[in-house]
Protein backbone atom coordinates (compact mmCIF):
# COMPACT_ATOMS: atom_id res chain seq x y z
CA SER A 1 -21.51 -41.76 44.72
CA PRO A 2 -19.88 -39.19 47.02
CA LEU A 3 -17.36 -40.58 49.46
CA ALA A 4 -16.65 -38.93 52.81
CA LEU A 5 -13.63 -39.98 54.84
CA GLY A 6 -12.03 -38.93 58.09
CA ASP A 7 -14.87 -37.67 60.29
CA VAL A 8 -13.70 -37.55 63.89
CA GLY A 9 -15.85 -36.93 66.94
CA ALA A 10 -15.51 -37.09 70.69
CA ASP A 11 -17.75 -37.63 73.71
CA LEU A 12 -16.96 -36.77 77.32
CA LYS A 13 -18.66 -37.97 80.51
CA TYR A 14 -17.64 -36.31 83.77
CA SER A 15 -19.10 -36.75 87.26
CA VAL A 16 -19.32 -33.21 88.64
CA THR A 17 -20.68 -34.59 91.91
CA SER A 18 -21.97 -37.99 92.98
CA GLY A 19 -25.41 -37.07 91.62
CA LEU A 20 -24.62 -34.61 88.81
CA THR A 21 -23.14 -35.67 85.46
CA LEU A 22 -21.78 -33.64 82.56
CA ASP A 23 -21.95 -35.19 79.07
CA ALA A 24 -20.28 -33.32 76.21
CA THR A 25 -20.15 -34.26 72.54
CA TYR A 26 -18.33 -32.97 69.45
CA ASN A 27 -19.17 -33.80 65.84
CA THR A 28 -21.92 -36.04 67.19
CA ASP A 29 -22.65 -39.20 65.23
CA PHE A 30 -25.51 -41.68 65.58
CA ALA A 31 -24.64 -44.01 62.72
CA GLN A 32 -25.08 -47.12 64.87
CA VAL A 33 -28.69 -46.25 65.82
CA GLU A 34 -31.47 -48.30 64.21
CA VAL A 35 -33.59 -46.49 61.60
CA ASP A 36 -37.21 -45.54 62.25
CA ASP A 37 -40.04 -48.01 61.91
CA GLN A 38 -42.14 -46.94 58.94
CA GLN A 39 -45.74 -45.89 59.56
CA ILE A 40 -48.80 -45.23 57.41
CA ASN A 41 -50.90 -42.23 58.39
CA LEU A 42 -54.63 -42.99 58.30
CA ASP A 43 -55.67 -39.68 59.83
CA ARG A 44 -55.05 -35.94 59.44
CA PHE A 45 -52.77 -35.52 62.45
CA ASN A 46 -49.02 -35.83 63.01
CA LEU A 47 -47.37 -39.21 63.46
CA PHE A 48 -45.07 -39.76 66.43
CA PHE A 49 -41.65 -41.37 65.87
CA PRO A 50 -39.88 -42.16 69.16
CA GLU A 51 -36.36 -41.06 70.01
CA LYS A 52 -33.75 -43.81 69.54
CA ARG A 53 -30.42 -41.96 69.93
CA PRO A 54 -28.55 -42.98 73.11
CA PHE A 55 -27.25 -39.50 73.93
CA PHE A 56 -30.79 -38.15 74.19
CA LEU A 57 -32.32 -41.25 75.78
CA GLU A 58 -29.93 -41.12 78.72
CA ASN A 59 -31.56 -39.20 81.58
CA ALA A 60 -34.46 -38.30 79.27
CA GLY A 61 -36.87 -38.47 82.21
CA VAL A 62 -35.21 -35.41 83.76
CA PHE A 63 -36.63 -33.26 80.94
CA THR A 64 -40.11 -34.80 80.86
CA VAL A 65 -42.99 -32.54 81.87
CA ASN A 66 -46.04 -34.02 83.61
CA ASN A 67 -48.65 -34.06 80.84
CA GLY A 68 -51.28 -35.97 82.79
CA GLY A 69 -51.31 -39.13 80.70
CA SER A 70 -54.25 -40.30 78.60
CA ALA A 71 -57.45 -42.06 79.56
CA SER A 72 -57.34 -44.02 76.31
CA GLY A 73 -53.70 -45.06 76.80
CA GLN A 74 -52.73 -43.72 73.37
CA VAL A 75 -49.23 -44.55 72.17
CA ASN A 76 -49.03 -41.21 70.38
CA PRO A 77 -48.94 -38.39 72.93
CA GLN A 78 -51.00 -35.26 72.28
CA THR A 79 -48.32 -32.87 73.55
CA GLU A 80 -44.63 -33.13 74.43
CA LEU A 81 -43.19 -29.75 75.43
CA PHE A 82 -39.64 -30.99 74.77
CA PHE A 83 -38.99 -33.68 72.18
CA SER A 84 -35.27 -34.30 71.64
CA ARG A 85 -35.85 -35.71 68.16
CA ARG A 86 -36.27 -32.11 66.94
CA ILE A 87 -32.51 -31.66 67.46
CA GLY A 88 -30.55 -32.99 64.50
CA VAL A 89 -33.51 -34.57 62.66
CA SER A 90 -35.65 -32.75 60.08
CA ASP A 91 -39.44 -33.01 59.78
CA THR A 92 -38.92 -35.57 56.98
CA GLY A 93 -36.58 -37.72 59.08
CA ALA A 94 -33.35 -36.59 57.39
CA GLN A 95 -30.27 -36.26 59.59
CA ILE A 96 -29.02 -32.72 60.26
CA PRO A 97 -25.33 -32.58 61.30
CA ILE A 98 -24.78 -31.80 64.99
CA LEU A 99 -21.61 -29.82 65.58
CA GLY A 100 -21.68 -30.58 69.28
CA GLY A 101 -23.09 -29.70 72.65
CA ALA A 102 -23.39 -30.67 76.29
CA ARG A 103 -25.86 -31.97 78.85
CA LEU A 104 -25.71 -31.44 82.59
CA SER A 105 -28.21 -33.55 84.50
CA GLY A 106 -28.81 -35.06 87.89
CA LYS A 107 -29.46 -34.07 91.49
CA VAL A 108 -28.05 -30.96 93.16
CA ALA A 109 -29.83 -31.88 96.41
CA ASP A 110 -31.75 -34.87 97.70
CA ASP A 111 -35.03 -33.34 96.49
CA VAL A 112 -33.91 -31.17 93.54
CA THR A 113 -33.22 -32.47 90.03
CA VAL A 114 -31.84 -30.25 87.26
CA GLY A 115 -31.19 -30.68 83.58
CA PHE A 116 -29.50 -28.42 81.03
CA ILE A 117 -28.86 -29.09 77.33
CA ASN A 118 -27.15 -26.90 74.75
CA MET A 119 -26.66 -28.27 71.22
CA GLN A 120 -25.50 -26.64 68.00
CA THR A 121 -26.49 -27.96 64.56
CA GLU A 122 -24.94 -27.05 61.22
CA SER A 123 -26.60 -25.57 58.16
CA VAL A 124 -27.71 -27.93 55.37
CA ASP A 125 -27.33 -27.27 51.62
CA GLY A 126 -27.77 -23.54 52.02
CA THR A 127 -31.49 -24.01 52.72
CA THR A 128 -31.69 -24.96 56.40
CA PRO A 129 -29.85 -22.57 58.72
CA ALA A 130 -27.75 -23.70 61.64
CA ASN A 131 -29.59 -23.69 64.96
CA ASN A 132 -28.69 -23.49 68.62
CA PHE A 133 -30.91 -25.38 71.06
CA THR A 134 -31.11 -24.71 74.79
CA VAL A 135 -33.20 -26.68 77.28
CA ALA A 136 -33.32 -25.94 81.00
CA ARG A 137 -35.31 -28.00 83.48
CA MET A 138 -35.70 -28.01 87.27
CA ARG A 139 -37.89 -30.22 89.44
CA ARG A 140 -38.26 -30.31 93.21
CA GLU A 141 -39.64 -33.42 94.87
CA LEU A 142 -42.22 -32.96 97.63
CA PRO A 143 -43.71 -35.44 100.12
CA ASN A 144 -46.17 -38.15 99.04
CA ARG A 145 -45.21 -38.52 95.36
CA SER A 146 -45.58 -34.77 94.77
CA SER A 147 -43.32 -32.41 92.82
CA ILE A 148 -43.17 -28.99 91.19
CA GLY A 149 -40.97 -27.91 88.31
CA GLY A 150 -40.28 -25.61 85.40
CA LEU A 151 -39.06 -25.91 81.80
CA PHE A 152 -37.52 -23.48 79.30
CA VAL A 153 -36.74 -24.41 75.69
CA ASN A 154 -35.16 -22.14 73.07
CA ARG A 155 -34.33 -22.61 69.39
CA GLN A 156 -32.36 -19.81 67.78
CA ALA A 157 -31.19 -19.80 64.16
CA THR A 158 -27.48 -18.96 63.86
CA GLY A 159 -24.95 -18.32 61.13
CA ALA A 160 -25.03 -16.36 57.88
CA GLN A 161 -28.46 -17.66 56.82
CA ALA A 162 -30.15 -16.83 60.11
CA LEU A 163 -32.73 -14.09 60.48
CA GLY A 164 -33.08 -12.22 63.75
CA SER A 165 -36.73 -13.25 63.97
CA ASP A 166 -36.00 -16.96 63.43
CA TYR A 167 -36.46 -18.32 66.93
CA ASN A 168 -38.94 -20.26 69.04
CA ARG A 169 -39.31 -20.48 72.81
CA THR A 170 -41.36 -22.60 75.20
CA TYR A 171 -42.06 -21.83 78.85
CA ALA A 172 -43.85 -24.18 81.24
CA VAL A 173 -44.46 -25.03 84.88
CA ASP A 174 -45.72 -28.42 85.96
CA GLY A 175 -46.67 -30.23 89.11
CA ARG A 176 -47.75 -33.50 90.63
CA TRP A 177 -49.67 -33.90 93.90
CA GLY A 178 -50.28 -37.21 95.63
CA PHE A 179 -53.34 -37.79 97.80
CA GLY A 180 -53.23 -40.73 100.15
CA GLN A 181 -51.82 -43.95 98.69
CA ASN A 182 -53.92 -44.06 95.52
CA GLY A 183 -54.76 -40.52 94.40
CA LEU A 184 -52.70 -38.35 92.06
CA VAL A 185 -53.34 -34.97 90.40
CA GLN A 186 -50.86 -33.73 87.82
CA GLY A 187 -50.60 -31.25 84.98
CA PHE A 188 -48.80 -28.32 83.38
CA VAL A 189 -49.32 -24.80 82.07
CA GLY A 190 -47.18 -23.58 79.17
CA ARG A 191 -46.92 -21.10 76.34
CA THR A 192 -44.75 -20.59 73.29
CA GLU A 193 -43.21 -17.53 71.69
CA THR A 194 -43.01 -17.52 67.89
CA PRO A 195 -42.52 -14.38 65.76
CA GLY A 196 -45.65 -13.75 63.68
CA ARG A 197 -47.95 -15.81 65.90
CA ASP A 198 -49.97 -13.59 68.22
CA GLY A 199 -53.07 -15.68 68.87
CA ARG A 200 -53.73 -18.28 71.55
CA ASP A 201 -50.20 -19.57 72.18
CA HIS A 202 -50.88 -21.45 75.42
CA ALA A 203 -51.38 -25.06 76.47
CA ALA A 204 -52.64 -26.49 79.75
CA ASN A 205 -53.39 -29.93 81.08
CA ILE A 206 -54.72 -31.33 84.33
CA SER A 207 -55.69 -34.89 85.23
CA ALA A 208 -56.76 -36.77 88.33
CA THR A 209 -56.04 -40.48 88.78
CA TYR A 210 -57.13 -43.07 91.32
CA ASN A 211 -55.07 -46.24 91.07
CA SER A 212 -55.41 -49.34 93.26
CA ALA A 213 -54.71 -53.02 92.79
CA ARG A 214 -58.22 -53.51 91.40
CA TRP A 215 -59.42 -50.19 90.03
CA ARG A 216 -57.97 -47.39 87.93
CA LEU A 217 -59.95 -44.22 87.33
CA ILE A 218 -58.63 -41.23 85.37
CA SER A 219 -60.22 -37.99 84.26
CA GLY A 220 -58.50 -35.09 82.54
CA TYR A 221 -58.78 -31.83 80.64
CA GLN A 222 -56.37 -30.27 78.15
CA GLU A 223 -56.37 -27.36 75.76
CA ASN A 224 -53.88 -26.21 73.14
CA GLY A 225 -54.26 -22.81 71.48
CA GLU A 226 -54.14 -22.62 67.70
CA ASP A 227 -50.84 -20.70 67.90
CA PHE A 228 -49.26 -22.98 70.50
CA ASN A 229 -46.11 -23.94 68.60
CA PRO A 230 -43.39 -25.84 70.50
CA GLU A 231 -40.95 -26.29 67.61
CA VAL A 232 -38.62 -28.33 69.83
CA GLY A 233 -41.59 -30.36 71.06
CA PHE A 234 -44.36 -32.46 69.58
CA VAL A 235 -48.09 -31.81 69.12
CA ARG A 236 -50.55 -34.03 67.29
CA ARG A 237 -53.02 -31.18 66.85
CA THR A 238 -53.57 -27.58 67.96
CA GLY A 239 -56.58 -25.33 68.53
CA PHE A 240 -58.56 -27.72 70.73
CA ARG A 241 -60.11 -28.34 74.10
CA LYS A 242 -60.19 -31.99 75.21
CA TYR A 243 -61.88 -33.91 77.99
CA ASP A 244 -61.25 -37.58 78.66
CA PHE A 245 -62.32 -40.18 81.17
CA GLY A 246 -61.22 -43.77 81.74
CA LEU A 247 -62.11 -46.68 84.00
CA ARG A 248 -60.36 -50.06 84.34
CA ASN A 249 -61.02 -53.08 86.54
CA THR A 250 -58.44 -55.80 87.21
CA SER A 251 -59.46 -59.17 88.60
CA ARG A 252 -57.83 -62.59 88.92
CA PRO A 253 -60.52 -65.30 88.91
CA SER A 254 -59.41 -68.57 90.45
CA GLY A 255 -59.89 -71.79 88.48
CA VAL A 256 -62.21 -70.31 85.84
CA LEU A 257 -61.29 -71.58 82.35
CA LYS A 258 -57.59 -71.19 83.29
CA VAL A 259 -57.98 -67.40 83.20
CA GLN A 260 -55.06 -65.55 84.81
CA GLU A 261 -56.36 -61.98 84.63
CA LEU A 262 -59.31 -59.95 83.37
CA THR A 263 -58.82 -56.23 82.71
CA PRO A 264 -61.98 -54.80 81.12
CA HIS A 265 -61.75 -51.07 80.63
CA MET A 266 -63.39 -48.16 78.88
CA SER A 267 -62.42 -44.63 77.92
CA PHE A 268 -64.17 -41.64 76.47
CA THR A 269 -62.40 -38.72 74.76
CA ARG A 270 -63.91 -35.66 73.12
CA PHE A 271 -62.21 -32.73 71.35
CA TRP A 272 -63.81 -29.34 70.70
CA ASN A 273 -62.39 -26.31 68.93
CA PHE A 274 -62.43 -22.90 70.61
CA GLU A 275 -65.76 -22.09 68.94
CA GLY A 276 -67.32 -24.96 70.87
CA ILE A 277 -67.76 -27.26 67.85
CA MET A 278 -66.99 -30.95 68.37
CA GLU A 279 -64.00 -32.17 66.31
CA THR A 280 -63.52 -35.74 67.58
CA SER A 281 -65.50 -38.03 69.87
CA PHE A 282 -64.15 -41.45 70.75
CA LEU A 283 -65.71 -44.12 73.00
CA HIS A 284 -63.53 -47.20 73.55
CA LEU A 285 -64.69 -50.45 75.21
CA HIS A 286 -62.06 -53.18 75.60
CA PHE A 287 -62.35 -56.70 77.05
CA PRO A 288 -58.90 -58.38 77.27
CA VAL A 289 -58.34 -61.80 78.85
CA GLU A 290 -54.97 -63.28 79.83
CA PHE A 291 -54.72 -67.03 80.44
CA GLU A 292 -52.40 -68.99 82.72
CA ASP A 293 -50.21 -70.01 79.78
CA SER A 294 -49.65 -66.28 78.97
CA THR A 295 -51.90 -66.45 75.91
CA SER A 296 -54.16 -63.41 75.63
CA VAL A 297 -57.24 -62.50 73.60
CA GLY A 298 -59.15 -59.27 73.38
CA LEU A 299 -62.27 -57.75 71.88
CA SER A 300 -62.82 -54.01 71.59
CA VAL A 301 -65.67 -51.86 70.34
CA ASP A 302 -65.13 -48.22 69.39
CA VAL A 303 -67.72 -45.56 68.60
CA ARG A 304 -66.16 -42.61 66.80
CA SER A 305 -67.26 -39.27 65.34
CA GLU A 306 -65.08 -36.90 63.32
CA GLU A 307 -65.82 -33.39 62.07
CA VAL A 308 -63.51 -32.60 59.14
CA PHE A 309 -63.16 -28.85 58.54
CA ARG A 310 -60.49 -29.08 55.83
CA GLN A 311 -60.16 -31.75 53.17
CA PHE A 312 -57.21 -34.12 53.58
CA THR A 313 -56.05 -37.32 51.91
CA VAL A 314 -55.43 -40.88 53.05
CA SER A 315 -53.18 -42.78 50.62
CA ASP A 316 -54.13 -40.24 47.90
CA LEU A 317 -57.87 -40.67 48.53
CA PRO A 318 -59.57 -37.34 49.37
CA ILE A 319 -61.61 -37.08 52.58
CA PRO A 320 -64.12 -34.25 51.97
CA VAL A 321 -65.26 -31.72 54.55
CA GLY A 322 -68.14 -33.00 56.68
CA ARG A 323 -69.17 -35.00 59.74
CA TYR A 324 -68.48 -38.73 59.89
CA ASP A 325 -69.87 -41.24 62.42
CA PHE A 326 -68.59 -44.79 62.43
CA ASN A 327 -68.02 -47.86 64.60
CA GLU A 328 -65.01 -50.16 64.92
CA LEU A 329 -64.71 -53.79 66.02
CA THR A 330 -61.26 -55.21 66.82
CA TYR A 331 -60.15 -58.73 67.76
CA SER A 332 -56.66 -59.46 69.06
CA TYR A 333 -54.74 -62.63 69.91
CA ASN A 334 -51.23 -63.14 71.28
CA SER A 335 -49.62 -66.43 72.16
CA ASN A 336 -46.99 -66.77 74.91
CA ARG A 337 -44.33 -64.17 74.03
CA SER A 338 -41.66 -65.98 76.06
CA ALA A 339 -41.97 -69.19 74.01
CA PRO A 340 -39.44 -69.99 71.24
CA PHE A 341 -42.18 -69.24 68.69
CA SER A 342 -45.06 -66.84 69.23
CA VAL A 343 -47.71 -65.30 67.02
CA GLY A 344 -49.96 -62.30 67.24
CA LEU A 345 -52.96 -61.08 65.29
CA ARG A 346 -54.97 -57.88 65.37
CA ALA A 347 -57.96 -57.62 63.03
CA THR A 348 -60.25 -54.60 62.71
CA THR A 349 -63.36 -54.00 60.65
CA ALA A 350 -64.77 -50.49 60.81
CA GLY A 351 -66.50 -47.62 59.16
CA PHE A 352 -64.04 -45.07 57.83
CA PHE A 353 -64.89 -41.51 56.75
CA GLY A 354 -68.03 -42.44 54.84
CA GLY A 355 -66.72 -45.84 53.74
CA ASP A 356 -65.17 -48.94 55.26
CA ILE A 357 -61.77 -50.24 56.30
CA VAL A 358 -60.51 -53.72 57.15
CA THR A 359 -57.14 -53.91 58.89
CA LEU A 360 -55.05 -57.05 59.50
CA ARG A 361 -51.83 -57.03 61.55
CA PRO A 362 -50.30 -60.49 62.01
CA SER A 363 -46.85 -61.00 63.53
CA LEU A 364 -44.45 -63.89 64.12
CA ASP A 365 -41.62 -63.99 66.64
CA ALA A 366 -38.89 -66.63 66.85
CA ARG A 367 -36.01 -66.80 69.30
CA TYR A 368 -33.22 -69.19 70.10
CA GLY A 369 -31.97 -68.51 73.61
CA GLU A 370 -29.96 -65.30 73.81
CA THR A 371 -28.46 -65.87 70.35
CA LEU A 372 -31.14 -65.34 67.71
CA ASN A 373 -34.23 -63.12 67.61
CA LEU A 374 -36.45 -62.83 64.56
CA ARG A 375 -39.64 -60.83 64.13
CA LEU A 376 -41.85 -60.70 61.04
CA SER A 377 -44.72 -58.22 61.08
CA TYR A 378 -47.25 -57.21 58.45
CA SER A 379 -49.98 -54.58 58.31
CA ARG A 380 -52.67 -54.43 55.62
CA ASN A 381 -55.37 -51.78 55.27
CA ASP A 382 -58.16 -52.40 52.77
CA ILE A 383 -59.92 -49.03 52.40
CA ASP A 384 -63.14 -48.50 50.44
CA LEU A 385 -64.42 -44.90 50.26
CA PRO A 386 -66.96 -43.08 48.08
CA THR A 387 -63.98 -41.32 46.46
CA GLY A 388 -62.17 -44.58 45.63
CA SER A 389 -60.49 -47.67 47.04
CA VAL A 390 -56.93 -48.47 48.03
CA VAL A 391 -54.98 -51.24 49.74
CA THR A 392 -51.86 -50.44 51.75
CA ASN A 393 -49.25 -53.00 52.82
CA LEU A 394 -46.43 -52.48 55.30
CA THR A 395 -44.02 -55.37 55.90
CA SER A 396 -41.01 -55.51 58.19
CA VAL A 397 -38.47 -58.21 59.02
CA ARG A 398 -36.25 -57.64 62.04
CA ALA A 399 -33.41 -60.07 62.84
CA ALA A 400 -30.70 -60.00 65.49
CA TYR A 401 -27.90 -62.51 65.98
CA ASN A 402 -25.53 -62.33 68.96
CA PHE A 403 -22.26 -64.14 68.29
CA SER A 404 -21.24 -63.25 71.86
CA PRO A 405 -22.26 -60.64 74.44
CA ARG A 406 -19.99 -58.17 72.62
CA LEU A 407 -20.43 -59.17 68.98
CA PHE A 408 -23.77 -58.79 67.16
CA ALA A 409 -25.42 -58.34 63.77
CA GLN A 410 -28.86 -56.76 63.32
CA THR A 411 -31.01 -56.24 60.23
CA LEU A 412 -34.25 -54.37 59.61
CA LEU A 413 -35.95 -54.73 56.21
CA GLN A 414 -39.11 -52.74 55.49
CA HIS A 415 -41.46 -52.43 52.54
CA ASN A 416 -44.14 -49.75 52.34
CA ASP A 417 -46.15 -49.96 49.12
CA SER A 418 -48.12 -46.82 50.02
CA ALA A 419 -44.90 -44.82 49.55
CA ASN A 420 -43.39 -47.26 47.01
CA LEU A 421 -40.48 -47.70 49.39
CA TRP A 422 -38.03 -50.48 50.25
CA SER A 423 -35.50 -49.88 53.00
CA VAL A 424 -32.66 -51.96 54.44
CA ASN A 425 -30.73 -51.24 57.62
CA PHE A 426 -27.86 -53.61 58.53
CA ARG A 427 -25.72 -53.05 61.62
CA PHE A 428 -22.68 -55.00 62.81
CA GLY A 429 -21.20 -54.16 66.19
CA TRP A 430 -18.12 -55.24 68.08
CA LEU A 431 -18.57 -53.70 71.51
CA GLN A 432 -15.97 -52.69 74.05
CA ASP A 433 -17.20 -50.72 77.08
CA ALA A 434 -20.36 -48.61 77.52
CA ASN A 435 -21.63 -49.34 73.98
CA THR A 436 -18.42 -48.15 72.34
CA GLY A 437 -16.45 -50.14 69.78
CA LEU A 438 -16.45 -50.87 66.05
CA PHE A 439 -19.67 -50.46 64.04
CA PHE A 440 -20.41 -51.20 60.40
CA VAL A 441 -23.71 -49.80 59.11
CA TYR A 442 -25.34 -50.23 55.70
CA ASN A 443 -28.50 -48.31 54.76
CA GLU A 444 -30.36 -48.43 51.47
CA THR A 445 -33.68 -46.97 50.36
CA ASP A 446 -35.10 -47.85 46.94
CA GLY A 447 -38.22 -47.19 44.93
CA LEU A 448 -38.12 -43.40 44.88
CA GLY A 449 -41.15 -42.77 42.68
CA GLY A 450 -41.18 -39.04 43.46
CA ILE A 451 -42.73 -39.73 46.86
CA VAL A 452 -39.80 -40.62 49.09
CA PRO A 453 -37.87 -37.63 50.55
CA SER A 454 -34.76 -36.56 48.68
CA PHE A 455 -32.41 -37.98 51.31
CA ALA A 456 -33.31 -41.53 50.25
CA GLY A 457 -30.42 -43.51 48.78
CA ARG A 458 -27.52 -45.63 49.97
CA SER A 459 -24.90 -45.21 52.67
CA VAL A 460 -22.07 -47.33 54.06
CA ILE A 461 -20.65 -46.18 57.38
CA VAL A 462 -17.76 -47.52 59.44
CA LYS A 463 -17.51 -46.06 62.93
CA TYR A 464 -15.06 -46.71 65.74
CA SER A 465 -15.41 -45.29 69.23
CA HIS A 466 -13.18 -45.85 72.23
CA LEU A 467 -13.76 -45.11 75.91
CA PHE A 468 -10.88 -44.16 78.18
CA ASP A 469 -10.50 -42.47 81.55
CA VAL A 470 -8.69 -39.15 81.10
CA LEU A 471 -7.90 -39.01 84.83
CA ASP A 472 -6.01 -42.33 84.89
C-alpha cells in the first residue's frame, strides 16, 4: 500500500470588519469529516448527497439562492445554482485535492450581504485537469422580509491539461417579497454558459406562500431548459416545466385521545417537457398525528404517473420506455425520540413501473446522556417487475462515544448489497479550540465486485491542527 507522509496545510480566519470575515486555506484537508451516507437510486434522476465539510458549511446561507421551496417538501432539491460539493469532490464521490483558496463573507452594510469564494483544485492522475472555481454573491435586504440579489459562478480548467473551451458559468438574479405578515413570493431567473451547448440554457422559478399558525398554502412554477448545466450546482433533471401546489392544516385538539397535534396536508406536482408531454405527475396525501408523549404515526397515499422516454435500470432491472401509473400506501411510526431508547418504522407497498415494490425502513436509537449515541437503521426494497425481481438491503450502524466534551470516538458502518459494498469509517478526535486538534481516521471499503468506484480501498489518516492568534 502506498504511504504518504508530511502533508502540511494551513487555515486563516481574519475579521476584516465587525461583520465581514476572510477565511483562507492552503492544502485543504477534510480527513476528519464523516463519509457520505450510502443511498440506493430507485429512479432515473440524480441523487443528492449533502455537503458535510466545515469550511463550506460555514456561512453557506450567504451563497444560497431563493429557489422557492417545494410544495411536496422533498428532501432532494430540484435545482441548486451553487452546490459547494462540486469543489474537491468528483461525480463518483472521490476526493479531488484542493490546493487552496479563500472565502470573504458577511455584511458590508446593515442591509447588504456579500460572499466571494475562489478555490483551486489540483489535477488527478493525468485524467482530470486542475480547476479554478469562483463564486460571487450579493444580497440586499428590503423591508418586510424582502430581498434582491445576484449570483455568479465560474469553473475554469487550468494547467497543462486544460483546454481553452473547458469552462462553465452560471448567472442568476433572485428575490423575495413579503406581503403582510403571512404572504411571501420568491424566485430566481438564471442561465448557464457551456461551450457546445446552444439550446435552452435557462432556469426560472417562482412560488407564492401563505403561512399562518394554522394554514400553509404554497403554489409554484419552475422550468429548466435541456441545456441548463450548472456544473458547480445541482439539478435532479433538466428539460422540464413544473407546477406544484400544497396545502397543510395544523390543529391542536384538546383532550382528544391524548393527541398533541394534527397536520394533514396534500401536495400535487406535475412535470412536462417542452413539447407539452407529461413526464411525472405526483399527488401526495398525508395524515400525520403526534401524541402528547411525542409518539407519532402517519398514513400517506400517493398517486403517481411516470412517462419514461428512455430505458433505464433499477438494480440492474430494465425499465422499458412507456407510461406507468401506480399508487403508493405508506405507514410510519416513531416513538419518543428524546427517550433513552426509540424506534421508528416506515413501510410502503406500491406499484412500481409495471410491477410492485414493498419497502421497509426500521430504525433503533439508543442514548446514554451526553456520553453514548447509537443508531441502527435498515432499508429493504423488495421489487417485482415484469423484467425480473430483486431485493436490495442497506444497513448502517452509527455510534458515537464522548469521553469528555473534547474527546470523542465515532464509527459509521454501512453495507449495501445492491453495490456489493461494505464500508467502515472510524474517527477519533481530541479537540482543542474551534474544532481543531488531533484526529485519527480509518476508512475501509470492501467487496469491489467491479461495481464500486476505483477509489475504494483503505486509508489511515492522522491529522493535527492548531489554532493560534497571529496578532497576539
